[in-house]
Amino acid sequence: MESTKRSIAKAVSWRILATIITAVIVYLLTGKMDFAAKVGLADTTLKFLVYFGHERMWNRIPYGRDEKQPEYFI
């Protein structure tokens, strides 16, 4: 299971990349840098929260995980 810190780090790194992509697309479509920045910020805030919640929920779902084997047998 991942730690909360790891989930936060993953969410932040992904959102930085995704925000840049969103802002560039909005800028290319509108030519307005201030509007692109506002859309990027709104997009980041909402999607960061959704992604973090999604990650934490998946940590509770055992689907696709291997059962942890003991390090040794007696």
N, C-alpha and C. Protein backbone atom coordinates (compact mmCIF):
# COMPACT_ATOMS: atom_id res chain seq x y z
N MET A 1 0.85 -1.18 0.00
CA MET A 1 0.00 0.00 0.00
C MET A 1 0.90 1.24 0.00
N GLU A 2 0.51 2.22 -0.76
CA GLU A 2 1.29 3.46 -0.84
C GLU A 2 1.00 4.36 0.36
N SER A 3 1.99 5.14 0.71
CA SER A 3 1.79 6.10 1.79
C SER A 3 1.04 7.32 1.26
N THR A 4 0.49 8.09 2.17
CA THR A 4 -0.20 9.32 1.79
C THR A 4 0.79 10.29 1.14
N LYS A 5 2.01 10.36 1.66
CA LYS A 5 3.02 11.25 1.07
C LYS A 5 3.31 10.88 -0.38
N ARG A 6 3.42 9.60 -0.67
CA ARG A 6 3.68 9.16 -2.04
C ARG A 6 2.51 9.54 -2.95
N SER A 7 1.29 9.33 -2.48
CA SER A 7 0.12 9.71 -3.28
C SER A 7 0.11 11.21 -3.57
N ILE A 8 0.48 12.01 -2.57
CA ILE A 8 0.53 13.47 -2.77
C ILE A 8 1.61 13.82 -3.79
N ALA A 9 2.79 13.23 -3.66
CA ALA A 9 3.89 13.52 -4.59
C ALA A 9 3.51 13.14 -6.02
N LYS A 10 2.87 12.00 -6.20
CA LYS A 10 2.45 11.58 -7.53
C LYS A 10 1.40 12.54 -8.10
N ALA A 11 0.45 12.93 -7.26
CA ALA A 11 -0.60 13.85 -7.71
C ALA A 11 -0.02 15.19 -8.11
N VAL A 12 0.92 15.71 -7.33
CA VAL A 12 1.53 17.02 -7.63
C VAL A 12 2.32 16.95 -8.93
N SER A 13 3.15 15.92 -9.10
CA SER A 13 3.96 15.84 -10.32
C SER A 13 3.10 15.70 -11.57
N TRP A 14 2.05 14.90 -11.47
CA TRP A 14 1.15 14.75 -12.62
C TRP A 14 0.42 16.05 -12.92
N ARG A 15 -0.05 16.73 -11.88
CA ARG A 15 -0.82 17.95 -12.10
C ARG A 15 0.04 19.05 -12.71
N ILE A 16 1.30 19.13 -12.37
CA ILE A 16 2.17 20.13 -12.98
C ILE A 16 2.22 19.91 -14.48
N LEU A 17 2.46 18.68 -14.89
CA LEU A 17 2.51 18.36 -16.31
C LEU A 17 1.16 18.61 -16.99
N ALA A 18 0.09 18.15 -16.39
CA ALA A 18 -1.24 18.31 -16.97
C ALA A 18 -1.66 19.77 -17.05
N THR A 19 -1.29 20.59 -16.06
CA THR A 19 -1.62 22.01 -16.08
C THR A 19 -0.94 22.71 -17.23
N ILE A 20 0.31 22.39 -17.45
CA ILE A 20 1.04 23.00 -18.57
C ILE A 20 0.36 22.64 -19.89
N ILE A 21 -0.02 21.39 -20.05
CA ILE A 21 -0.70 20.97 -21.28
C ILE A 21 -2.02 21.72 -21.45
N THR A 22 -2.82 21.80 -20.39
CA THR A 22 -4.11 22.49 -20.46
C THR A 22 -3.93 23.97 -20.80
N ALA A 23 -3.01 24.63 -20.11
CA ALA A 23 -2.79 26.06 -20.35
C ALA A 23 -2.31 26.31 -21.78
N VAL A 24 -1.44 25.47 -22.29
CA VAL A 24 -0.96 25.64 -23.67
C VAL A 24 -2.10 25.47 -24.67
N ILE A 25 -2.94 24.48 -24.45
CA ILE A 25 -4.08 24.27 -25.36
C ILE A 25 -5.02 25.46 -25.32
N VAL A 26 -5.35 25.95 -24.13
CA VAL A 26 -6.25 27.10 -24.01
C VAL A 26 -5.62 28.33 -24.66
N TYR A 27 -4.33 28.54 -24.45
CA TYR A 27 -3.65 29.68 -25.08
C TYR A 27 -3.67 29.56 -26.60
N LEU A 28 -3.40 28.38 -27.12
CA LEU A 28 -3.41 28.19 -28.58
C LEU A 28 -4.80 28.42 -29.17
N LEU A 29 -5.84 28.07 -28.42
CA LEU A 29 -7.20 28.25 -28.91
C LEU A 29 -7.71 29.68 -28.78
N THR A 30 -7.27 30.38 -27.73
CA THR A 30 -7.81 31.72 -27.48
C THR A 30 -6.81 32.84 -27.71
N GLY A 31 -5.51 32.55 -27.57
CA GLY A 31 -4.49 33.59 -27.68
C GLY A 31 -4.43 34.50 -26.46
N LYS A 32 -5.11 34.11 -25.38
CA LYS A 32 -5.16 34.94 -24.17
C LYS A 32 -4.43 34.24 -23.03
N MET A 33 -3.28 34.78 -22.67
CA MET A 33 -2.46 34.16 -21.63
C MET A 33 -3.13 34.20 -20.26
N ASP A 34 -3.77 35.32 -19.91
CA ASP A 34 -4.40 35.41 -18.59
C ASP A 34 -5.55 34.42 -18.46
N PHE A 35 -6.31 34.25 -19.52
CA PHE A 35 -7.41 33.28 -19.50
C PHE A 35 -6.86 31.85 -19.40
N ALA A 36 -5.79 31.58 -20.13
CA ALA A 36 -5.17 30.27 -20.10
C ALA A 36 -4.66 29.95 -18.69
N ALA A 37 -4.08 30.94 -18.02
CA ALA A 37 -3.58 30.73 -16.65
C ALA A 37 -4.73 30.46 -15.68
N LYS A 38 -5.84 31.18 -15.83
CA LYS A 38 -7.00 30.97 -14.95
C LYS A 38 -7.60 29.58 -15.16
N VAL A 39 -7.73 29.18 -16.40
CA VAL A 39 -8.26 27.84 -16.69
C VAL A 39 -7.31 26.78 -16.14
N GLY A 40 -6.00 26.98 -16.32
CA GLY A 40 -5.02 26.04 -15.80
C GLY A 40 -5.10 25.90 -14.30
N LEU A 41 -5.25 27.02 -13.60
CA LEU A 41 -5.35 26.99 -12.14
C LEU A 41 -6.63 26.29 -11.67
N ALA A 42 -7.75 26.61 -12.28
CA ALA A 42 -9.01 25.97 -11.91
C ALA A 42 -8.96 24.47 -12.19
N ASP A 43 -8.42 24.11 -13.35
CA ASP A 43 -8.28 22.71 -13.74
C ASP A 43 -7.41 21.96 -12.74
N THR A 44 -6.29 22.56 -12.36
CA THR A 44 -5.36 21.92 -11.44
C THR A 44 -5.99 21.70 -10.07
N THR A 45 -6.64 22.71 -9.55
CA THR A 45 -7.23 22.60 -8.22
C THR A 45 -8.25 21.47 -8.15
N LEU A 46 -9.17 21.46 -9.10
CA LEU A 46 -10.21 20.44 -9.09
C LEU A 46 -9.63 19.05 -9.34
N LYS A 47 -8.81 18.92 -10.36
CA LYS A 47 -8.31 17.59 -10.71
C LYS A 47 -7.31 17.05 -9.70
N PHE A 48 -6.59 17.91 -9.01
CA PHE A 48 -5.70 17.44 -7.95
C PHE A 48 -6.50 16.74 -6.87
N LEU A 49 -7.57 17.36 -6.45
CA LEU A 49 -8.40 16.79 -5.39
C LEU A 49 -9.05 15.48 -5.84
N VAL A 50 -9.53 15.44 -7.07
CA VAL A 50 -10.17 14.23 -7.58
C VAL A 50 -9.14 13.10 -7.71
N TYR A 51 -7.95 13.41 -8.24
CA TYR A 51 -6.91 12.40 -8.40
C TYR A 51 -6.46 11.85 -7.06
N PHE A 52 -6.25 12.70 -6.09
CA PHE A 52 -5.82 12.26 -4.77
C PHE A 52 -6.85 11.31 -4.16
N GLY A 53 -8.12 11.69 -4.23
CA GLY A 53 -9.18 10.83 -3.72
C GLY A 53 -9.23 9.49 -4.45
N HIS A 54 -9.05 9.53 -5.75
CA HIS A 54 -9.04 8.33 -6.57
C HIS A 54 -7.90 7.40 -6.15
N GLU A 55 -6.71 7.94 -5.96
CA GLU A 55 -5.56 7.15 -5.52
C GLU A 55 -5.82 6.51 -4.16
N ARG A 56 -6.36 7.28 -3.24
CA ARG A 56 -6.59 6.76 -1.89
C ARG A 56 -7.67 5.67 -1.91
N MET A 57 -8.68 5.82 -2.75
CA MET A 57 -9.72 4.80 -2.86
C MET A 57 -9.13 3.51 -3.42
N TRP A 58 -8.28 3.61 -4.46
CA TRP A 58 -7.68 2.42 -5.05
C TRP A 58 -6.76 1.71 -4.07
N ASN A 59 -6.20 2.40 -3.10
CA ASN A 59 -5.38 1.73 -2.10
C ASN A 59 -6.20 0.78 -1.24
N ARG A 60 -7.50 0.96 -1.21
CA ARG A 60 -8.38 0.10 -0.42
C ARG A 60 -8.91 -1.09 -1.22
N ILE A 61 -8.66 -1.10 -2.51
CA ILE A 61 -9.18 -2.15 -3.39
C ILE A 61 -8.07 -3.16 -3.67
N PRO A 62 -8.29 -4.42 -3.34
CA PRO A 62 -7.23 -5.41 -3.51
C PRO A 62 -7.07 -5.91 -4.95
N TYR A 63 -7.94 -5.53 -5.84
CA TYR A 63 -7.91 -6.02 -7.22
C TYR A 63 -6.53 -5.83 -7.86
N GLY A 64 -5.99 -6.90 -8.42
CA GLY A 64 -4.73 -6.83 -9.15
C GLY A 64 -3.47 -6.85 -8.32
N ARG A 65 -3.61 -6.93 -7.03
CA ARG A 65 -2.43 -6.98 -6.15
C ARG A 65 -2.07 -8.42 -5.85
N ASP A 66 -0.77 -8.66 -5.76
CA ASP A 66 -0.31 -9.96 -5.31
C ASP A 66 -0.39 -9.99 -3.79
N GLU A 67 -0.75 -11.15 -3.28
CA GLU A 67 -0.76 -11.27 -1.82
C GLU A 67 0.66 -11.20 -1.32
N LYS A 68 0.88 -10.44 -0.29
CA LYS A 68 2.22 -10.30 0.27
C LYS A 68 2.62 -11.61 0.95
N GLN A 69 3.74 -12.14 0.52
CA GLN A 69 4.25 -13.37 1.09
C GLN A 69 5.16 -13.04 2.28
N PRO A 70 5.17 -13.89 3.28
CA PRO A 70 6.09 -13.66 4.40
C PRO A 70 7.53 -13.76 3.91
N GLU A 71 8.43 -13.05 4.59
CA GLU A 71 9.83 -13.05 4.19
C GLU A 71 10.49 -14.41 4.41
N TYR A 72 9.96 -15.19 5.32
CA TYR A 72 10.53 -16.51 5.58
C TYR A 72 9.43 -17.42 6.14
N PHE A 73 9.67 -18.68 6.02
CA PHE A 73 8.76 -19.68 6.57
C PHE A 73 9.48 -20.46 7.65
N ILE A 74 8.74 -20.87 8.66
CA ILE A 74 9.33 -21.69 9.74
C ILE A 74 8.86 -23.10 9.58
